[in-house]
Amino acid sequence: MQTFIGWTIAAGHSAAQISTKIPNAFIAGIIYWLLLILVVGICVAGTGILVILIEIKVIELYKKNCWDFITLLMILTSAAVIIYFGESIKKTLSVNLLLLFVLSQGVYVGLRCYLKNQLNTKLY
């Protein structure tokens, strides 16, 4: 996130450099800040919309393929394991535990969809 924000602000500063061509310092300052806010706002809004669309698709896939008791047990079990072994995991891997939980759920949903498709396309 920090890298993305840095890139976005750098792009905003680059685009706002157009205002240096304006001879009036006051108007150049206003144009600089307007361009900076506009570019950063468009980048952040575009990324936010993309994240929301991806989240909607993931939720639809999750409801379609994995909305049952087994999934609830998987969520609770993986959360319990990550909470119980959290300190050991942090010492071994330098990864955020929430990211590890989300990745484990992604692997679970992917395996579940793959197995569901394989079982539905049996060769008789």
N, C-alpha and C. Protein backbone atom coordinates (compact mmCIF):
# COMPACT_ATOMS: atom_id res chain seq x y z
N MET A 1 0.83 -1.19 0.00
CA MET A 1 0.00 0.00 0.00
C MET A 1 0.87 1.26 0.00
N GLN A 2 1.92 1.22 0.80
CA GLN A 2 2.78 2.39 0.90
C GLN A 2 3.47 2.65 -0.44
N THR A 3 3.90 1.60 -1.12
CA THR A 3 4.54 1.76 -2.43
C THR A 3 3.55 2.31 -3.44
N PHE A 4 2.32 1.78 -3.45
CA PHE A 4 1.30 2.27 -4.36
C PHE A 4 1.01 3.74 -4.13
N ILE A 5 0.88 4.13 -2.88
CA ILE A 5 0.61 5.53 -2.56
C ILE A 5 1.77 6.41 -3.01
N GLY A 6 3.00 5.92 -2.81
CA GLY A 6 4.17 6.67 -3.27
C GLY A 6 4.18 6.86 -4.77
N TRP A 7 3.85 5.80 -5.51
CA TRP A 7 3.78 5.89 -6.98
C TRP A 7 2.69 6.86 -7.41
N THR A 8 1.56 6.79 -6.73
CA THR A 8 0.43 7.67 -7.07
C THR A 8 0.79 9.13 -6.84
N ILE A 9 1.41 9.42 -5.72
CA ILE A 9 1.79 10.81 -5.44
C ILE A 9 2.88 11.27 -6.40
N ALA A 10 3.82 10.39 -6.75
CA ALA A 10 4.86 10.76 -7.71
C ALA A 10 4.24 11.06 -9.08
N ALA A 11 3.25 10.25 -9.48
CA ALA A 11 2.57 10.51 -10.75
C ALA A 11 1.82 11.83 -10.69
N GLY A 12 1.21 12.13 -9.57
CA GLY A 12 0.51 13.40 -9.40
C GLY A 12 1.47 14.58 -9.48
N HIS A 13 2.64 14.45 -8.83
CA HIS A 13 3.63 15.53 -8.90
C HIS A 13 4.14 15.71 -10.33
N SER A 14 4.34 14.61 -11.04
CA SER A 14 4.81 14.70 -12.43
C SER A 14 3.79 15.40 -13.32
N ALA A 15 2.53 15.03 -13.16
CA ALA A 15 1.48 15.66 -13.95
C ALA A 15 1.30 17.12 -13.57
N ALA A 16 1.50 17.44 -12.32
CA ALA A 16 1.29 18.81 -11.85
C ALA A 16 2.43 19.74 -12.25
N GLN A 17 3.54 19.19 -12.73
CA GLN A 17 4.66 20.02 -13.17
C GLN A 17 4.30 20.88 -14.39
N ILE A 18 3.19 20.57 -15.03
CA ILE A 18 2.72 21.38 -16.16
C ILE A 18 2.47 22.82 -15.70
N SER A 19 2.11 22.99 -14.45
CA SER A 19 1.79 24.32 -13.94
C SER A 19 3.02 25.23 -13.87
N THR A 20 4.22 24.70 -13.99
CA THR A 20 5.42 25.55 -13.95
C THR A 20 5.52 26.42 -15.20
N LYS A 21 4.79 26.11 -16.25
CA LYS A 21 4.81 26.89 -17.49
C LYS A 21 3.97 28.17 -17.38
N ILE A 22 3.16 28.27 -16.33
CA ILE A 22 2.29 29.44 -16.15
C ILE A 22 3.10 30.54 -15.45
N PRO A 23 3.14 31.75 -16.02
CA PRO A 23 3.97 32.81 -15.44
C PRO A 23 3.44 33.36 -14.11
N ASN A 24 2.16 33.38 -13.89
CA ASN A 24 1.58 33.91 -12.66
C ASN A 24 1.74 32.85 -11.56
N ALA A 25 2.46 33.20 -10.49
CA ALA A 25 2.78 32.23 -9.43
C ALA A 25 1.53 31.76 -8.69
N PHE A 26 0.59 32.67 -8.44
CA PHE A 26 -0.62 32.30 -7.71
C PHE A 26 -1.46 31.30 -8.50
N ILE A 27 -1.69 31.57 -9.77
CA ILE A 27 -2.48 30.67 -10.61
C ILE A 27 -1.73 29.36 -10.82
N ALA A 28 -0.41 29.43 -10.95
CA ALA A 28 0.39 28.21 -11.11
C ALA A 28 0.26 27.31 -9.88
N GLY A 29 0.24 27.93 -8.69
CA GLY A 29 0.07 27.15 -7.45
C GLY A 29 -1.29 26.47 -7.39
N ILE A 30 -2.32 27.21 -7.78
CA ILE A 30 -3.67 26.64 -7.78
C ILE A 30 -3.76 25.48 -8.78
N ILE A 31 -3.23 25.68 -9.99
CA ILE A 31 -3.26 24.63 -11.01
C ILE A 31 -2.46 23.42 -10.55
N TYR A 32 -1.31 23.66 -9.91
CA TYR A 32 -0.47 22.55 -9.41
C TYR A 32 -1.27 21.68 -8.45
N TRP A 33 -1.89 22.29 -7.45
CA TRP A 33 -2.63 21.51 -6.45
C TRP A 33 -3.88 20.86 -7.04
N LEU A 34 -4.55 21.54 -7.95
CA LEU A 34 -5.72 20.93 -8.60
C LEU A 34 -5.33 19.69 -9.41
N LEU A 35 -4.24 19.81 -10.18
CA LEU A 35 -3.79 18.66 -10.96
C LEU A 35 -3.32 17.51 -10.06
N LEU A 36 -2.61 17.86 -8.99
CA LEU A 36 -2.15 16.83 -8.06
C LEU A 36 -3.32 16.09 -7.43
N ILE A 37 -4.31 16.82 -6.95
CA ILE A 37 -5.48 16.21 -6.34
C ILE A 37 -6.27 15.40 -7.36
N LEU A 38 -6.39 15.91 -8.58
CA LEU A 38 -7.13 15.21 -9.62
C LEU A 38 -6.47 13.88 -9.99
N VAL A 39 -5.16 13.88 -10.22
CA VAL A 39 -4.46 12.65 -10.61
C VAL A 39 -4.47 11.63 -9.47
N VAL A 40 -4.16 12.07 -8.27
CA VAL A 40 -4.17 11.15 -7.13
C VAL A 40 -5.58 10.62 -6.88
N GLY A 41 -6.58 11.48 -6.97
CA GLY A 41 -7.97 11.05 -6.77
C GLY A 41 -8.41 10.03 -7.80
N ILE A 42 -8.05 10.25 -9.06
CA ILE A 42 -8.42 9.29 -10.11
C ILE A 42 -7.74 7.95 -9.89
N CYS A 43 -6.46 7.97 -9.53
CA CYS A 43 -5.74 6.70 -9.29
C CYS A 43 -6.32 5.94 -8.11
N VAL A 44 -6.60 6.64 -7.03
CA VAL A 44 -7.15 5.98 -5.84
C VAL A 44 -8.57 5.47 -6.10
N ALA A 45 -9.38 6.29 -6.77
CA ALA A 45 -10.76 5.86 -7.06
C ALA A 45 -10.77 4.67 -8.02
N GLY A 46 -9.92 4.70 -9.03
CA GLY A 46 -9.85 3.57 -9.97
C GLY A 46 -9.43 2.29 -9.28
N THR A 47 -8.44 2.38 -8.42
CA THR A 47 -8.00 1.20 -7.68
C THR A 47 -9.09 0.71 -6.74
N GLY A 48 -9.78 1.63 -6.08
CA GLY A 48 -10.86 1.25 -5.17
C GLY A 48 -11.99 0.56 -5.91
N ILE A 49 -12.37 1.07 -7.07
CA ILE A 49 -13.43 0.43 -7.86
C ILE A 49 -13.00 -0.96 -8.31
N LEU A 50 -11.74 -1.10 -8.74
CA LEU A 50 -11.22 -2.40 -9.15
C LEU A 50 -11.25 -3.40 -8.00
N VAL A 51 -10.85 -2.97 -6.82
CA VAL A 51 -10.88 -3.85 -5.65
C VAL A 51 -12.30 -4.26 -5.31
N ILE A 52 -13.24 -3.34 -5.39
CA ILE A 52 -14.64 -3.66 -5.08
C ILE A 52 -15.21 -4.65 -6.09
N LEU A 53 -14.90 -4.47 -7.38
CA LEU A 53 -15.38 -5.41 -8.40
C LEU A 53 -14.80 -6.80 -8.19
N ILE A 54 -13.52 -6.89 -7.87
CA ILE A 54 -12.90 -8.19 -7.61
C ILE A 54 -13.53 -8.82 -6.38
N GLU A 55 -13.79 -8.04 -5.35
CA GLU A 55 -14.41 -8.56 -4.13
C GLU A 55 -15.81 -9.10 -4.41
N ILE A 56 -16.57 -8.41 -5.23
CA ILE A 56 -17.92 -8.87 -5.58
C ILE A 56 -17.85 -10.22 -6.29
N LYS A 57 -16.92 -10.36 -7.23
CA LYS A 57 -16.78 -11.63 -7.96
C LYS A 57 -16.35 -12.75 -7.03
N VAL A 58 -15.44 -12.46 -6.10
CA VAL A 58 -14.99 -13.49 -5.16
C VAL A 58 -16.13 -13.91 -4.25
N ILE A 59 -16.94 -12.97 -3.79
CA ILE A 59 -18.08 -13.31 -2.93
C ILE A 59 -19.09 -14.15 -3.69
N GLU A 60 -19.34 -13.81 -4.97
CA GLU A 60 -20.27 -14.63 -5.77
C GLU A 60 -19.74 -16.05 -5.93
N LEU A 61 -18.45 -16.18 -6.22
CA LEU A 61 -17.84 -17.50 -6.37
C LEU A 61 -17.91 -18.27 -5.06
N TYR A 62 -17.66 -17.59 -3.96
CA TYR A 62 -17.69 -18.22 -2.65
C TYR A 62 -19.10 -18.71 -2.32
N LYS A 63 -20.11 -17.89 -2.58
CA LYS A 63 -21.49 -18.30 -2.31
C LYS A 63 -21.92 -19.45 -3.22
N LYS A 64 -21.46 -19.43 -4.45
CA LYS A 64 -21.86 -20.45 -5.41
C LYS A 64 -21.24 -21.81 -5.09
N ASN A 65 -19.98 -21.84 -4.70
CA ASN A 65 -19.27 -23.10 -4.56
C ASN A 65 -19.00 -23.53 -3.13
N CYS A 66 -18.97 -22.62 -2.20
CA CYS A 66 -18.44 -22.96 -0.87
C CYS A 66 -19.29 -22.48 0.29
N TRP A 67 -20.57 -22.40 0.13
CA TRP A 67 -21.41 -21.85 1.20
C TRP A 67 -22.05 -23.00 1.96
N ASP A 68 -21.26 -23.67 2.84
CA ASP A 68 -21.78 -24.83 3.57
C ASP A 68 -21.04 -24.99 4.90
N PHE A 69 -21.35 -26.08 5.58
CA PHE A 69 -20.81 -26.35 6.91
C PHE A 69 -19.31 -26.65 6.85
N ILE A 70 -18.85 -27.32 5.80
CA ILE A 70 -17.43 -27.64 5.67
C ILE A 70 -16.60 -26.36 5.60
N THR A 71 -17.09 -25.38 4.87
CA THR A 71 -16.38 -24.11 4.75
C THR A 71 -16.31 -23.39 6.10
N LEU A 72 -17.40 -23.43 6.85
CA LEU A 72 -17.41 -22.82 8.18
C LEU A 72 -16.37 -23.49 9.07
N LEU A 73 -16.28 -24.81 9.02
CA LEU A 73 -15.27 -25.52 9.80
C LEU A 73 -13.86 -25.15 9.34
N MET A 74 -13.66 -25.00 8.05
CA MET A 74 -12.35 -24.63 7.51
C MET A 74 -11.96 -23.23 7.98
N ILE A 75 -12.89 -22.31 7.96
CA ILE A 75 -12.60 -20.93 8.40
C ILE A 75 -12.23 -20.92 9.88
N LEU A 76 -13.03 -21.61 10.70
CA LEU A 76 -12.76 -21.63 12.14
C LEU A 76 -11.45 -22.34 12.46
N THR A 77 -11.18 -23.44 11.77
CA THR A 77 -9.95 -24.19 12.02
C THR A 77 -8.72 -23.40 11.63
N SER A 78 -8.74 -22.80 10.43
CA SER A 78 -7.57 -22.04 10.01
C SER A 78 -7.37 -20.81 10.89
N ALA A 79 -8.45 -20.17 11.32
CA ALA A 79 -8.32 -19.02 12.23
C ALA A 79 -7.74 -19.46 13.57
N ALA A 80 -8.21 -20.59 14.08
CA ALA A 80 -7.70 -21.09 15.36
C ALA A 80 -6.22 -21.46 15.27
N VAL A 81 -5.83 -22.10 14.19
CA VAL A 81 -4.43 -22.48 14.02
C VAL A 81 -3.55 -21.24 13.91
N ILE A 82 -3.99 -20.25 13.14
CA ILE A 82 -3.19 -19.03 12.99
C ILE A 82 -3.11 -18.26 14.30
N ILE A 83 -4.19 -18.25 15.07
CA ILE A 83 -4.16 -17.56 16.37
C ILE A 83 -3.27 -18.30 17.36
N TYR A 84 -3.42 -19.62 17.43
CA TYR A 84 -2.67 -20.40 18.41
C TYR A 84 -1.17 -20.42 18.09
N PHE A 85 -0.83 -20.61 16.83
CA PHE A 85 0.57 -20.69 16.43
C PHE A 85 1.09 -19.37 15.87
N GLY A 86 0.44 -18.28 16.19
CA GLY A 86 0.80 -16.97 15.63
C GLY A 86 2.24 -16.56 15.90
N GLU A 87 2.69 -16.71 17.13
CA GLU A 87 4.06 -16.31 17.46
C GLU A 87 5.08 -17.18 16.73
N SER A 88 4.83 -18.47 16.65
CA SER A 88 5.75 -19.37 15.94
C SER A 88 5.78 -19.06 14.45
N ILE A 89 4.62 -18.77 13.90
CA ILE A 89 4.56 -18.43 12.47
C ILE A 89 5.32 -17.14 12.22
N LYS A 90 5.15 -16.13 13.07
CA LYS A 90 5.84 -14.85 12.88
C LYS A 90 7.36 -15.01 13.00
N LYS A 91 7.83 -15.92 13.86
CA LYS A 91 9.27 -16.16 13.98
C LYS A 91 9.82 -16.86 12.75
N THR A 92 9.04 -17.79 12.21
CA THR A 92 9.50 -18.57 11.06
C THR A 92 9.34 -17.81 9.75
N LEU A 93 8.17 -17.25 9.53
CA LEU A 93 7.87 -16.52 8.29
C LEU A 93 7.67 -15.05 8.62
N SER A 94 8.19 -14.19 7.80
CA SER A 94 7.94 -12.77 8.01
C SER A 94 6.75 -12.35 7.15
N VAL A 95 5.58 -12.86 7.53
CA VAL A 95 4.36 -12.58 6.78
C VAL A 95 3.28 -12.13 7.75
N ASN A 96 2.42 -11.27 7.27
CA ASN A 96 1.30 -10.80 8.06
C ASN A 96 0.33 -11.96 8.28
N LEU A 97 -0.13 -12.16 9.49
CA LEU A 97 -1.01 -13.29 9.79
C LEU A 97 -2.36 -13.16 9.10
N LEU A 98 -2.87 -11.95 8.95
CA LEU A 98 -4.12 -11.76 8.24
C LEU A 98 -3.96 -12.14 6.77
N LEU A 99 -2.82 -11.78 6.18
CA LEU A 99 -2.54 -12.17 4.80
C LEU A 99 -2.44 -13.69 4.69
N LEU A 100 -1.83 -14.33 5.66
CA LEU A 100 -1.74 -15.79 5.66
C LEU A 100 -3.13 -16.42 5.73
N PHE A 101 -4.02 -15.86 6.55
CA PHE A 101 -5.38 -16.37 6.65
C PHE A 101 -6.11 -16.21 5.32
N VAL A 102 -6.00 -15.04 4.69
CA VAL A 102 -6.68 -14.80 3.41
C VAL A 102 -6.12 -15.73 2.34
N LEU A 103 -4.81 -15.92 2.32
CA LEU A 103 -4.20 -16.83 1.33
C LEU A 103 -4.66 -18.27 1.55
N SER A 104 -4.76 -18.69 2.80
CA SER A 104 -5.23 -20.05 3.06
C SER A 104 -6.67 -20.23 2.61
N GLN A 105 -7.50 -19.21 2.80
CA GLN A 105 -8.88 -19.29 2.32
C GLN A 105 -8.93 -19.30 0.79
N GLY A 106 -8.05 -18.55 0.15
CA GLY A 106 -7.99 -18.55 -1.31
C GLY A 106 -7.58 -19.91 -1.86
N VAL A 107 -6.61 -20.53 -1.22
CA VAL A 107 -6.19 -21.88 -1.64
C VAL A 107 -7.34 -22.86 -1.43
N TYR A 108 -8.03 -22.76 -0.32
CA TYR A 108 -9.16 -23.65 -0.05
C TYR A 108 -10.25 -23.50 -1.11
N VAL A 109 -10.63 -22.26 -1.42
CA VAL A 109 -11.69 -22.03 -2.42
C VAL A 109 -11.23 -22.52 -3.79
N GLY A 110 -9.97 -22.28 -4.14
CA GLY A 110 -9.45 -22.75 -5.41
C GLY A 110 -9.47 -24.27 -5.52
N LEU A 111 -9.03 -24.96 -4.47
CA LEU A 111 -9.08 -26.43 -4.46
C LEU A 111 -10.52 -26.94 -4.52
N ARG A 112 -11.37 -26.29 -3.80
CA ARG A 112 -12.76 -26.72 -3.77
C ARG A 112 -13.42 -26.57 -5.15
N CYS A 113 -13.17 -25.46 -5.83
CA CYS A 113 -13.71 -25.25 -7.18
C CYS A 113 -13.12 -26.24 -8.16
N TYR A 114 -11.82 -26.48 -8.06
CA TYR A 114 -11.16 -27.43 -8.96
C TYR A 114 -11.74 -28.84 -8.77
N LEU A 115 -11.87 -29.27 -7.53
CA LEU A 115 -12.41 -30.60 -7.27
C LEU A 115 -13.86 -30.71 -7.69
N LYS A 116 -14.63 -29.67 -7.49
CA LYS A 116 -16.03 -29.69 -7.91
C LYS A 116 -16.13 -29.83 -9.42
N ASN A 117 -15.29 -29.10 -10.17
CA ASN A 117 -15.29 -29.22 -11.62
C ASN A 117 -14.82 -30.58 -12.08
N GLN A 118 -13.82 -31.14 -11.43
CA GLN A 118 -13.30 -32.46 -11.80
C GLN A 118 -14.33 -33.55 -11.54
N LEU A 119 -15.05 -33.44 -10.43
CA LEU A 119 -16.05 -34.46 -10.12
C LEU A 119 -17.27 -34.36 -11.04
N ASN A 120 -17.56 -33.17 -11.54
CA ASN A 120 -18.71 -32.99 -12.45
C ASN A 120 -18.39 -33.41 -13.87
N THR A 121 -17.11 -33.50 -14.24
CA THR A 121 -16.73 -33.86 -15.60
C THR A 121 -16.07 -35.23 -15.64
N LYS A 122 -16.69 -36.21 -15.05
CA LYS A 122 -16.17 -37.59 -15.07
C LYS A 122 -16.34 -38.17 -16.46
N LEU A 123 -15.40 -39.01 -16.84
CA LEU A 123 -15.49 -39.72 -18.11
C LEU A 123 -16.21 -41.03 -17.88
N TYR A 124 -17.38 -41.19 -18.45
CA TYR A 124 -18.15 -42.42 -18.27
C TYR A 124 -18.01 -43.29 -19.48
